[in-house]
Amino acid sequence: RVLTQHAALHALGITGVRPPLTLASSDPARYVRALARAGEAAELTAPGGLGDFGWLLQPAGPAQADLLEPRELFPDAPELSAEPSAGAPPEPSPRAPGLLVDVPDHEEH
């Protein structure tokens, strides 16, 4: 499945909602920290910006196959591709449980 970063992060509870203004008077330091986190989250989830980045969710092994199916994990996520293409690579071997993350060469260390 392919999800936008906006949908994936919202499903994880990262929304960019500002903290309540009352927190500014009761605990100013906490308010500033929460406001900074909200700004970062808003930037990561902004439609038309980083929020439109696409994430491919692919189970690797039978133990992880159920992690991606429940719609309750991502109820508002649009389905960008529901079926694999005819030329899609074969399913991962059941002997290799775990999640696979592909990192572009320029980001590997």
PDB file of N, CA and C in Angstrom:
ATOM      1  N   ARG A   1       0.835  -1.185   0.000  1.00  0.00           N
ATOM      2  CA  ARG A   1       0.000   0.000   0.000  1.00  0.00           C
ATOM      3  C   ARG A   1       0.872   1.238   0.000  1.00  0.00           C
ATOM      4  N   VAL A   2       0.384   2.263  -0.625  1.00  0.00           N
ATOM      5  CA  VAL A   2       1.072   3.550  -0.641  1.00  0.00           C
ATOM      6  C   VAL A   2       0.209   4.552   0.117  1.00  0.00           C
ATOM      7  N   LEU A   3       0.829   5.253   1.046  1.00  0.00           N
ATOM      8  CA  LEU A   3       0.146   6.283   1.831  1.00  0.00           C
ATOM      9  C   LEU A   3       0.909   7.586   1.704  1.00  0.00           C
ATOM     10  N   THR A   4       0.207   8.683   1.884  1.00  0.00           N
ATOM     11  CA  THR A   4       0.918   9.953   1.980  1.00  0.00           C
ATOM     12  C   THR A   4       1.516  10.053   3.380  1.00  0.00           C
ATOM     13  N   GLN A   5       2.553  10.846   3.505  1.00  0.00           N
ATOM     14  CA  GLN A   5       3.160  11.057   4.820  1.00  0.00           C
ATOM     15  C   GLN A   5       2.141  11.695   5.760  1.00  0.00           C
ATOM     16  N   HIS A   6       1.296  12.558   5.228  1.00  0.00           N
ATOM     17  CA  HIS A   6       0.238  13.189   6.025  1.00  0.00           C
ATOM     18  C   HIS A   6      -0.640  12.115   6.674  1.00  0.00           C
ATOM     19  N   ALA A   7      -1.129  11.167   5.883  1.00  0.00           N
ATOM     20  CA  ALA A   7      -2.013  10.120   6.406  1.00  0.00           C
ATOM     21  C   ALA A   7      -1.280   9.206   7.379  1.00  0.00           C
ATOM     22  N   ALA A   8      -0.043   8.837   7.051  1.00  0.00           N
ATOM     23  CA  ALA A   8       0.715   7.929   7.913  1.00  0.00           C
ATOM     24  C   ALA A   8       1.000   8.567   9.272  1.00  0.00           C
ATOM     25  N   LEU A   9       1.438   9.813   9.279  1.00  0.00           N
ATOM     26  CA  LEU A   9       1.755  10.463  10.547  1.00  0.00           C
ATOM     27  C   LEU A   9       0.501  10.768  11.356  1.00  0.00           C
ATOM     28  N   HIS A  10      -0.589  11.130  10.689  1.00  0.00           N
ATOM     29  CA  HIS A  10      -1.847  11.352  11.418  1.00  0.00           C
ATOM     30  C   HIS A  10      -2.317  10.054  12.068  1.00  0.00           C
ATOM     31  N   ALA A  11      -2.132   8.932  11.389  1.00  0.00           N
ATOM     32  CA  ALA A  11      -2.520   7.642  11.964  1.00  0.00           C
ATOM     33  C   ALA A  11      -1.686   7.318  13.201  1.00  0.00           C
ATOM     34  N   LEU A  12      -0.483   7.855  13.266  1.00  0.00           N
ATOM     35  CA  LEU A  12       0.388   7.641  14.421  1.00  0.00           C
ATOM     36  C   LEU A  12       0.184   8.700  15.502  1.00  0.00           C
ATOM     37  N   GLY A  13      -0.757   9.626  15.276  1.00  0.00           N
ATOM     38  CA  GLY A  13      -1.067  10.639  16.276  1.00  0.00           C
ATOM     39  C   GLY A  13      -0.270  11.921  16.149  1.00  0.00           C
ATOM     40  N   ILE A  14       0.475  12.080  15.063  1.00  0.00           N
ATOM     41  CA  ILE A  14       1.264  13.291  14.833  1.00  0.00           C
ATOM     42  C   ILE A  14       0.442  14.206  13.937  1.00  0.00           C
ATOM     43  N   THR A  15      -0.106  15.275  14.527  1.00  0.00           N
ATOM     44  CA  THR A  15      -1.063  16.097  13.792  1.00  0.00           C
ATOM     45  C   THR A  15      -0.630  17.541  13.574  1.00  0.00           C
ATOM     46  N   GLY A  16       0.248  18.065  14.404  1.00  0.00           N
ATOM     47  CA  GLY A  16       0.627  19.465  14.275  1.00  0.00           C
ATOM     48  C   GLY A  16      -0.354  20.417  14.923  1.00  0.00           C
ATOM     49  N   VAL A  17      -1.245  19.902  15.753  1.00  0.00           N
ATOM     50  CA  VAL A  17      -2.221  20.749  16.448  1.00  0.00           C
ATOM     51  C   VAL A  17      -1.488  21.564  17.512  1.00  0.00           C
ATOM     52  N   ARG A  18      -1.787  22.854  17.561  1.00  0.00           N
ATOM     53  CA  ARG A  18      -1.143  23.735  18.535  1.00  0.00           C
ATOM     54  C   ARG A  18      -1.578  23.381  19.952  1.00  0.00           C
ATOM     55  N   PRO A  19      -0.682  23.563  20.924  1.00  0.00           N
ATOM     56  CA  PRO A  19      -1.060  23.308  22.319  1.00  0.00           C
ATOM     57  C   PRO A  19      -2.044  24.378  22.792  1.00  0.00           C
ATOM     58  N   PRO A  20      -2.814  24.092  23.826  1.00  0.00           N
ATOM     59  CA  PRO A  20      -3.776  25.082  24.319  1.00  0.00           C
ATOM     60  C   PRO A  20      -3.053  26.328  24.840  1.00  0.00           C
ATOM     61  N   LEU A  21      -3.603  27.482  24.546  1.00  0.00           N
ATOM     62  CA  LEU A  21      -2.999  28.754  24.944  1.00  0.00           C
ATOM     63  C   LEU A  21      -2.921  28.892  26.464  1.00  0.00           C
ATOM     64  N   THR A  22      -3.817  28.244  27.180  1.00  0.00           N
ATOM     65  CA  THR A  22      -3.790  28.311  28.648  1.00  0.00           C
ATOM     66  C   THR A  22      -2.492  27.733  29.205  1.00  0.00           C
ATOM     67  N   LEU A  23      -1.872  26.826  28.471  1.00  0.00           N
ATOM     68  CA  LEU A  23      -0.608  26.236  28.909  1.00  0.00           C
ATOM     69  C   LEU A  23       0.499  27.290  28.944  1.00  0.00           C
ATOM     70  N   ALA A  24       0.392  28.318  28.115  1.00  0.00           N
ATOM     71  CA  ALA A  24       1.402  29.380  28.077  1.00  0.00           C
ATOM     72  C   ALA A  24       1.496  30.120  29.409  1.00  0.00           C
ATOM     73  N   SER A  25       0.375  30.289  30.082  1.00  0.00           N
ATOM     74  CA  SER A  25       0.412  30.990  31.370  1.00  0.00           C
ATOM     75  C   SER A  25       0.690  30.047  32.535  1.00  0.00           C
ATOM     76  N   SER A  26       0.274  28.798  32.430  1.00  0.00           N
ATOM     77  CA  SER A  26       0.485  27.867  33.539  1.00  0.00           C
ATOM     78  C   SER A  26       1.871  27.218  33.516  1.00  0.00           C
ATOM     79  N   ASP A  27       2.426  26.969  32.340  1.00  0.00           N
ATOM     80  CA  ASP A  27       3.745  26.331  32.218  1.00  0.00           C
ATOM     81  C   ASP A  27       4.393  26.801  30.915  1.00  0.00           C
ATOM     82  N   PRO A  28       4.964  28.014  30.923  1.00  0.00           N
ATOM     83  CA  PRO A  28       5.490  28.606  29.687  1.00  0.00           C
ATOM     84  C   PRO A  28       6.538  27.745  28.974  1.00  0.00           C
ATOM     85  N   ALA A  29       7.445  27.138  29.714  1.00  0.00           N
ATOM     86  CA  ALA A  29       8.493  26.324  29.076  1.00  0.00           C
ATOM     87  C   ALA A  29       7.878  25.123  28.356  1.00  0.00           C
ATOM     88  N   ARG A  30       6.927  24.494  28.999  1.00  0.00           N
ATOM     89  CA  ARG A  30       6.257  23.343  28.374  1.00  0.00           C
ATOM     90  C   ARG A  30       5.480  23.781  27.129  1.00  0.00           C
ATOM     91  N   TYR A  31       4.847  24.957  27.206  1.00  0.00           N
ATOM     92  CA  TYR A  31       4.104  25.484  26.063  1.00  0.00           C
ATOM     93  C   TYR A  31       5.027  25.717  24.870  1.00  0.00           C
ATOM     94  N   VAL A  32       6.192  26.312  25.118  1.00  0.00           N
ATOM     95  CA  VAL A  32       7.131  26.592  24.029  1.00  0.00           C
ATOM     96  C   VAL A  32       7.617  25.288  23.398  1.00  0.00           C
ATOM     97  N   ARG A  33       7.922  24.285  24.227  1.00  0.00           N
ATOM     98  CA  ARG A  33       8.352  22.981  23.683  1.00  0.00           C
ATOM     99  C   ARG A  33       7.239  22.339  22.857  1.00  0.00           C
ATOM    100  N   ALA A  34       6.006  22.382  23.371  1.00  0.00           N
ATOM    101  CA  ALA A  34       4.871  21.795  22.647  1.00  0.00           C
ATOM    102  C   ALA A  34       4.597  22.556  21.354  1.00  0.00           C
ATOM    103  N   LEU A  35       4.758  23.872  21.387  1.00  0.00           N
ATOM    104  CA  LEU A  35       4.550  24.687  20.195  1.00  0.00           C
ATOM    105  C   LEU A  35       5.601  24.367  19.129  1.00  0.00           C
ATOM    106  N   ALA A  36       6.845  24.164  19.556  1.00  0.00           N
ATOM    107  CA  ALA A  36       7.909  23.795  18.610  1.00  0.00           C
ATOM    108  C   ALA A  36       7.614  22.439  17.978  1.00  0.00           C
ATOM    109  N   ARG A  37       7.192  21.463  18.796  1.00  0.00           N
ATOM    110  CA  ARG A  37       6.845  20.131  18.257  1.00  0.00           C
ATOM    111  C   ARG A  37       5.668  20.222  17.295  1.00  0.00           C
ATOM    112  N   ALA A  38       4.687  21.049  17.630  1.00  0.00           N
ATOM    113  CA  ALA A  38       3.521  21.202  16.750  1.00  0.00           C
ATOM    114  C   ALA A  38       3.936  21.806  15.414  1.00  0.00           C
ATOM    115  N   GLY A  39       4.840  22.772  15.441  1.00  0.00           N
ATOM    116  CA  GLY A  39       5.323  23.377  14.200  1.00  0.00           C
ATOM    117  C   GLY A  39       6.067  22.378  13.334  1.00  0.00           C
ATOM    118  N   GLU A  40       6.903  21.552  13.969  1.00  0.00           N
ATOM    119  CA  GLU A  40       7.631  20.520  13.225  1.00  0.00           C
ATOM    120  C   GLU A  40       6.660  19.514  12.612  1.00  0.00           C
ATOM    121  N   ALA A  41       5.670  19.092  13.403  1.00  0.00           N
ATOM    122  CA  ALA A  41       4.688  18.127  12.905  1.00  0.00           C
ATOM    123  C   ALA A  41       3.866  18.724  11.773  1.00  0.00           C
ATOM    124  N   ALA A  42       3.506  20.001  11.902  1.00  0.00           N
ATOM    125  CA  ALA A  42       2.725  20.656  10.846  1.00  0.00           C
ATOM    126  C   ALA A  42       3.522  20.705   9.550  1.00  0.00           C
ATOM    127  N   GLU A  43       4.818  20.959   9.648  1.00  0.00           N
ATOM    128  CA  GLU A  43       5.656  20.994   8.445  1.00  0.00           C
ATOM    129  C   GLU A  43       5.742  19.610   7.800  1.00  0.00           C
ATOM    130  N   LEU A  44       5.853  18.568   8.621  1.00  0.00           N
ATOM    131  CA  LEU A  44       5.959  17.203   8.092  1.00  0.00           C
ATOM    132  C   LEU A  44       4.659  16.701   7.473  1.00  0.00           C
ATOM    133  N   THR A  45       3.528  17.267   7.881  1.00  0.00           N
ATOM    134  CA  THR A  45       2.230  16.780   7.404  1.00  0.00           C
ATOM    135  C   THR A  45       1.523  17.746   6.460  1.00  0.00           C
ATOM    136  N   ALA A  46       2.157  18.845   6.113  1.00  0.00           N
ATOM    137  CA  ALA A  46       1.510  19.886   5.305  1.00  0.00           C
ATOM    138  C   ALA A  46       1.138  19.395   3.908  1.00  0.00           C
ATOM    139  N   PRO A  47      -0.152  19.503   3.538  1.00  0.00           N
ATOM    140  CA  PRO A  47      -0.554  19.187   2.168  1.00  0.00           C
ATOM    141  C   PRO A  47       0.137  20.157   1.202  1.00  0.00           C
ATOM    142  N   GLY A  48       0.571  19.647   0.080  1.00  0.00           N
ATOM    143  CA  GLY A  48       1.288  20.471  -0.878  1.00  0.00           C
ATOM    144  C   GLY A  48       2.765  20.582  -0.559  1.00  0.00           C
ATOM    145  N   GLY A  49       3.194  19.987   0.548  1.00  0.00           N
ATOM    146  CA  GLY A  49       4.597  20.008   0.954  1.00  0.00           C
ATOM    147  C   GLY A  49       5.045  18.608   1.330  1.00  0.00           C
ATOM    148  N   LEU A  50       5.706  18.509   2.481  1.00  0.00           N
ATOM    149  CA  LEU A  50       6.222  17.209   2.916  1.00  0.00           C
ATOM    150  C   LEU A  50       5.110  16.201   3.197  1.00  0.00           C
ATOM    151  N   GLY A  51       3.916  16.671   3.518  1.00  0.00           N
ATOM    152  CA  GLY A  51       2.802  15.759   3.780  1.00  0.00           C
ATOM    153  C   GLY A  51       2.376  14.963   2.567  1.00  0.00           C
ATOM    154  N   ASP A  52       2.740  15.425   1.369  1.00  0.00           N
ATOM    155  CA  ASP A  52       2.391  14.700   0.143  1.00  0.00           C
ATOM    156  C   ASP A  52       3.412  13.628  -0.218  1.00  0.00           C
ATOM    157  N   PHE A  53       4.495  13.534   0.545  1.00  0.00           N
ATOM    158  CA  PHE A  53       5.495  12.498   0.307  1.00  0.00           C
ATOM    159  C   PHE A  53       4.818  11.139   0.422  1.00  0.00           C
ATOM    160  N   GLY A  54       5.157  10.206  -0.437  1.00  0.00           N
ATOM    161  CA  GLY A  54       4.527   8.885  -0.417  1.00  0.00           C
ATOM    162  C   GLY A  54       5.361   7.850   0.310  1.00  0.00           C
ATOM    163  N   TRP A  55       4.705   7.013   1.080  1.00  0.00           N
ATOM    164  CA  TRP A  55       5.352   5.904   1.781  1.00  0.00           C
ATOM    165  C   TRP A  55       4.761   4.604   1.268  1.00  0.00           C
ATOM    166  N   LEU A  56       5.611   3.675   0.918  1.00  0.00           N
ATOM    167  CA  LEU A  56       5.190   2.346   0.493  1.00  0.00           C
ATOM    168  C   LEU A  56       5.267   1.427   1.695  1.00  0.00           C
ATOM    169  N   LEU A  57       4.149   0.826   2.052  1.00  0.00           N
ATOM    170  CA  LEU A  57       4.107  -0.133   3.151  1.00  0.00           C
ATOM    171  C   LEU A  57       4.090  -1.526   2.549  1.00  0.00           C
ATOM    172  N   GLN A  58       5.088  -2.317   2.868  1.00  0.00           N
ATOM    173  CA  GLN A  58       5.222  -3.657   2.301  1.00  0.00           C
ATOM    174  C   GLN A  58       5.586  -4.619   3.422  1.00  0.00           C
ATOM    175  N   PRO A  59       4.739  -5.610   3.713  1.00  0.00           N
ATOM    176  CA  PRO A  59       5.112  -6.581   4.742  1.00  0.00           C
ATOM    177  C   PRO A  59       6.263  -7.452   4.252  1.00  0.00           C
ATOM    178  N   ALA A  60       7.128  -7.823   5.164  1.00  0.00           N
ATOM    179  CA  ALA A  60       8.237  -8.724   4.839  1.00  0.00           C
ATOM    180  C   ALA A  60       8.121  -9.932   5.749  1.00  0.00           C
ATOM    181  N   GLY A  61       7.565 -11.003   5.240  1.00  0.00           N
ATOM    182  CA  GLY A  61       7.380 -12.213   6.028  1.00  0.00           C
ATOM    183  C   GLY A  61       5.962 -12.337   6.539  1.00  0.00           C
ATOM    184  N   PRO A  62       5.540 -13.558   6.814  1.00  0.00           N
ATOM    185  CA  PRO A  62       4.149 -13.793   7.223  1.00  0.00           C
ATOM    186  C   PRO A  62       3.789 -13.164   8.564  1.00  0.00           C
ATOM    187  N   ALA A  63       4.747 -13.018   9.460  1.00  0.00           N
ATOM    188  CA  ALA A  63       4.436 -12.451  10.775  1.00  0.00           C
ATOM    189  C   ALA A  63       4.035 -10.980  10.674  1.00  0.00           C
ATOM    190  N   GLN A  64       4.493 -10.273   9.644  1.00  0.00           N
ATOM    191  CA  GLN A  64       4.189  -8.856   9.502  1.00  0.00           C
ATOM    192  C   GLN A  64       3.045  -8.583   8.536  1.00  0.00           C
ATOM    193  N   ALA A  65       2.555  -9.582   7.844  1.00  0.00           N
ATOM    194  CA  ALA A  65       1.518  -9.366   6.834  1.00  0.00           C
ATOM    195  C   ALA A  65       0.272  -8.719   7.430  1.00  0.00           C
ATOM    196  N   ASP A  66      -0.083  -9.082   8.648  1.00  0.00           N
ATOM    197  CA  ASP A  66      -1.285  -8.529   9.270  1.00  0.00           C
ATOM    198  C   ASP A  66      -1.108  -7.090   9.739  1.00  0.00           C
ATOM    199  N   LEU A  67       0.121  -6.602   9.832  1.00  0.00           N
ATOM    200  CA  LEU A  67       0.347  -5.241  10.309  1.00  0.00           C
ATOM    201  C   LEU A  67      -0.208  -4.190   9.364  1.00  0.00           C
ATOM    202  N   LEU A  68      -0.295  -4.499   8.084  1.00  0.00           N
ATOM    203  CA  LEU A  68      -0.678  -3.493   7.102  1.00  0.00           C
ATOM    204  C   LEU A  68      -2.130  -3.571   6.676  1.00  0.00           C
ATOM    205  N   GLU A  69      -2.809  -4.626   7.008  1.00  0.00           N
ATOM    206  CA  GLU A  69      -4.162  -4.815   6.503  1.00  0.00           C
ATOM    207  C   GLU A  69      -5.262  -4.079   7.263  1.00  0.00           C
ATOM    208  N   PRO A  70      -5.241  -4.021   8.594  1.00  0.00           N
ATOM    209  CA  PRO A  70      -6.389  -3.431   9.285  1.00  0.00           C
ATOM    210  C   PRO A  70      -6.599  -1.970   8.908  1.00  0.00           C
ATOM    211  N   ARG A  71      -7.750  -1.671   8.345  1.00  0.00           N
ATOM    212  CA  ARG A  71      -8.058  -0.297   7.942  1.00  0.00           C
ATOM    213  C   ARG A  71      -8.150   0.625   9.157  1.00  0.00           C
ATOM    214  N   GLU A  72      -8.371   0.071  10.356  1.00  0.00           N
ATOM    215  CA  GLU A  72      -8.474   0.938  11.522  1.00  0.00           C
ATOM    216  C   GLU A  72      -7.136   1.611  11.851  1.00  0.00           C
ATOM    217  N   LEU A  73      -6.023   1.081  11.350  1.00  0.00           N
ATOM    218  CA  LEU A  73      -4.735   1.740  11.560  1.00  0.00           C
ATOM    219  C   LEU A  73      -4.653   3.045  10.777  1.00  0.00           C
ATOM    220  N   PHE A  74      -5.190   3.050   9.558  1.00  0.00           N
ATOM    221  CA  PHE A  74      -5.130   4.217   8.686  1.00  0.00           C
ATOM    222  C   PHE A  74      -6.513   4.465   8.086  1.00  0.00           C
ATOM    223  N   PRO A  75      -7.507   4.838   8.910  1.00  0.00           N
ATOM    224  CA  PRO A  75      -8.871   4.944   8.402  1.00  0.00           C
ATOM    225  C   PRO A  75      -9.076   6.007   7.332  1.00  0.00           C
ATOM    226  N   ASP A  76      -8.327   7.109   7.404  1.00  0.00           N
ATOM    227  CA  ASP A  76      -8.551   8.181   6.429  1.00  0.00           C
ATOM    228  C   ASP A  76      -7.524   8.174   5.304  1.00  0.00           C
ATOM    229  N   ALA A  77      -6.708   7.138   5.243  1.00  0.00           N
ATOM    230  CA  ALA A  77      -5.651   7.090   4.229  1.00  0.00           C
ATOM    231  C   ALA A  77      -6.224   6.706   2.872  1.00  0.00           C
ATOM    232  N   PRO A  78      -5.946   7.525   1.860  1.00  0.00           N
ATOM    233  CA  PRO A  78      -6.412   7.160   0.517  1.00  0.00           C
ATOM    234  C   PRO A  78      -5.590   6.001  -0.028  1.00  0.00           C
ATOM    235  N   GLU A  79      -6.237   5.124  -0.728  1.00  0.00           N
ATOM    236  CA  GLU A  79      -5.552   4.011  -1.379  1.00  0.00           C
ATOM    237  C   GLU A  79      -5.014   4.515  -2.704  1.00  0.00           C
ATOM    238  N   LEU A  80      -3.692   4.651  -2.810  1.00  0.00           N
ATOM    239  CA  LEU A  80      -3.107   5.118  -4.046  1.00  0.00           C
ATOM    240  C   LEU A  80      -2.828   3.976  -5.006  1.00  0.00           C
ATOM    241  N   SER A  81      -2.598   2.790  -4.469  1.00  0.00           N
ATOM    242  CA  SER A  81      -2.448   1.609  -5.318  1.00  0.00           C
ATOM    243  C   SER A  81      -2.905   0.407  -4.517  1.00  0.00           C
ATOM    244  N   ALA A  82      -3.920  -0.253  -4.999  1.00  0.00           N
ATOM    245  CA  ALA A  82      -4.492  -1.369  -4.262  1.00  0.00           C
ATOM    246  C   ALA A  82      -3.927  -2.709  -4.709  1.00  0.00           C
ATOM    247  N   GLU A  83      -3.638  -2.863  -5.965  1.00  0.00           N
ATOM    248  CA  GLU A  83      -3.177  -4.138  -6.502  1.00  0.00           C
ATOM    249  C   GLU A  83      -1.744  -4.021  -7.004  1.00  0.00           C
ATOM    250  N   PRO A  84      -0.916  -5.047  -6.761  1.00  0.00           N
ATOM    251  CA  PRO A  84       0.426  -5.012  -7.324  1.00  0.00           C
ATOM    252  C   PRO A  84       0.360  -5.154  -8.834  1.00  0.00           C
ATOM    253  N   SER A  85       1.337  -4.571  -9.503  1.00  0.00           N
ATOM    254  CA  SER A  85       1.354  -4.665 -10.962  1.00  0.00           C
ATOM    255  C   SER A  85       1.783  -6.055 -11.392  1.00  0.00           C
ATOM    256  N   ALA A  86       1.522  -6.365 -12.658  1.00  0.00           N
ATOM    257  CA  ALA A  86       1.859  -7.685 -13.179  1.00  0.00           C
ATOM    258  C   ALA A  86       3.354  -7.939 -13.096  1.00  0.00           C
ATOM    259  N   GLY A  87       4.174  -6.906 -13.195  1.00  0.00           N
ATOM    260  CA  GLY A  87       5.617  -7.074 -13.138  1.00  0.00           C
ATOM    261  C   GLY A  87       6.183  -6.891 -11.740  1.00  0.00           C
ATOM    262  N   ALA A  88       5.326  -6.959 -10.719  1.00  0.00           N
ATOM    263  CA  ALA A  88       5.786  -6.753  -9.348  1.00  0.00           C
ATOM    264  C   ALA A  88       6.733  -7.868  -8.928  1.00  0.00           C
ATOM    265  N   PRO A  89       7.693  -7.550  -8.039  1.00  0.00           N
ATOM    266  CA  PRO A  89       8.615  -8.587  -7.582  1.00  0.00           C
ATOM    267  C   PRO A  89       7.875  -9.644  -6.780  1.00  0.00           C
ATOM    268  N   PRO A  90       8.431 -10.843  -6.682  1.00  0.00           N
ATOM    269  CA  PRO A  90       7.770 -11.911  -5.931  1.00  0.00           C
ATOM    270  C   PRO A  90       7.687 -11.560  -4.449  1.00  0.00           C
ATOM    271  N   GLU A  91       6.762 -12.210  -3.762  1.00  0.00           N
ATOM    272  CA  GLU A  91       6.599 -12.005  -2.330  1.00  0.00           C
ATOM    273  C   GLU A  91       7.875 -12.415  -1.604  1.00  0.00           C
ATOM    274  N   PRO A  92       8.198 -11.738  -0.478  1.00  0.00           N
ATOM    275  CA  PRO A  92       9.391 -12.109   0.272  1.00  0.00           C
ATOM    276  C   PRO A  92       9.288 -13.527   0.814  1.00  0.00           C
ATOM    277  N   SER A  93      10.428 -14.135   1.013  1.00  0.00           N
ATOM    278  CA  SER A  93      10.486 -15.494   1.541  1.00  0.00           C
ATOM    279  C   SER A  93       9.995 -15.516   2.976  1.00  0.00           C
ATOM    280  N   PRO A  94       9.209 -16.543   3.365  1.00  0.00           N
ATOM    281  CA  PRO A  94       8.756 -16.640   4.750  1.00  0.00           C
ATOM    282  C   PRO A  94       9.917 -16.857   5.716  1.00  0.00           C
ATOM    283  N   ARG A  95      11.091 -17.200   5.215  1.00  0.00           N
ATOM    284  CA  ARG A  95      12.245 -17.417   6.085  1.00  0.00           C
ATOM    285  C   ARG A  95      12.863 -16.106   6.536  1.00  0.00           C
ATOM    286  N   ALA A  96      12.422 -14.984   5.999  1.00  0.00           N
ATOM    287  CA  ALA A  96      13.034 -13.701   6.332  1.00  0.00           C
ATOM    288  C   ALA A  96      12.042 -12.792   7.040  1.00  0.00           C
ATOM    289  N   PRO A  97      11.656 -13.117   8.289  1.00  0.00           N
ATOM    290  CA  PRO A  97      10.706 -12.261   8.983  1.00  0.00           C
ATOM    291  C   PRO A  97      11.349 -10.923   9.338  1.00  0.00           C
ATOM    292  N   GLY A  98      10.523  -9.923   9.512  1.00  0.00           N
ATOM    293  CA  GLY A  98      10.995  -8.587   9.851  1.00  0.00           C
ATOM    294  C   GLY A  98      10.527  -7.587   8.826  1.00  0.00           C
ATOM    295  N   LEU A  99      10.643  -6.339   9.150  1.00  0.00           N
ATOM    296  CA  LEU A  99      10.256  -5.285   8.223  1.00  0.00           C
ATOM    297  C   LEU A  99      11.477  -4.844   7.435  1.00  0.00           C
ATOM    298  N   LEU A 100      11.301  -4.637   6.156  1.00  0.00           N
ATOM    299  CA  LEU A 100      12.375  -4.221   5.273  1.00  0.00           C
ATOM    300  C   LEU A 100      12.204  -2.744   4.960  1.00  0.00           C
ATOM    301  N   VAL A 101      13.254  -1.980   5.149  1.00  0.00           N
ATOM    302  CA  VAL A 101      13.239  -0.561   4.817  1.00  0.00           C
ATOM    303  C   VAL A 101      14.341  -0.316   3.809  1.00  0.00           C
ATOM    304  N   ASP A 102      13.989   0.249   2.674  1.00  0.00           N
ATOM    305  CA  ASP A 102      14.957   0.543   1.635  1.00  0.00           C
ATOM    306  C   ASP A 102      15.417   1.983   1.798  1.00  0.00           C
ATOM    307  N   VAL A 103      16.711   2.175   2.024  1.00  0.00           N
ATOM    308  CA  VAL A 103      17.283   3.503   2.204  1.00  0.00           C
ATOM    309  C   VAL A 103      18.064   3.852   0.949  1.00  0.00           C
ATOM    310  N   PRO A 104      17.812   5.022   0.354  1.00  0.00           N
ATOM    311  CA  PRO A 104      18.577   5.415  -0.827  1.00  0.00           C
ATOM    312  C   PRO A 104      20.076   5.406  -0.528  1.00  0.00           C
ATOM    313  N   ASP A 105      20.882   5.088  -1.539  1.00  0.00           N
ATOM    314  CA  ASP A 105      22.329   4.965  -1.365  1.00  0.00           C
ATOM    315  C   ASP A 105      22.958   6.193  -0.720  1.00  0.00           C
ATOM    316  N   HIS A 106      22.494   7.376  -1.079  1.00  0.00           N
ATOM    317  CA  HIS A 106      23.122   8.587  -0.547  1.00  0.00           C
ATOM    318  C   HIS A 106      22.821   8.815   0.933  1.00  0.00           C
ATOM    319  N   GLU A 107      21.897   8.039   1.520  1.00  0.00           N
ATOM    320  CA  GLU A 107      21.570   8.202   2.933  1.00  0.00           C
ATOM    321  C   GLU A 107      22.166   7.107   3.800  1.00  0.00           C
ATOM    322  N   GLU A 108      22.803   6.115   3.190  1.00  0.00           N
ATOM    323  CA  GLU A 108      23.402   5.037   3.974  1.00  0.00           C
ATOM    324  C   GLU A 108      24.702   5.516   4.594  1.00  0.00           C
ATOM    325  N   HIS A 109      24.984   5.024   5.788  1.00  0.00           N
ATOM    326  CA  HIS A 109      26.238   5.400   6.466  1.00  0.00           C
ATOM    327  C   HIS A 109      27.016   4.160   6.801  1.00  0.00           C
TER     328      HIS A 109
END
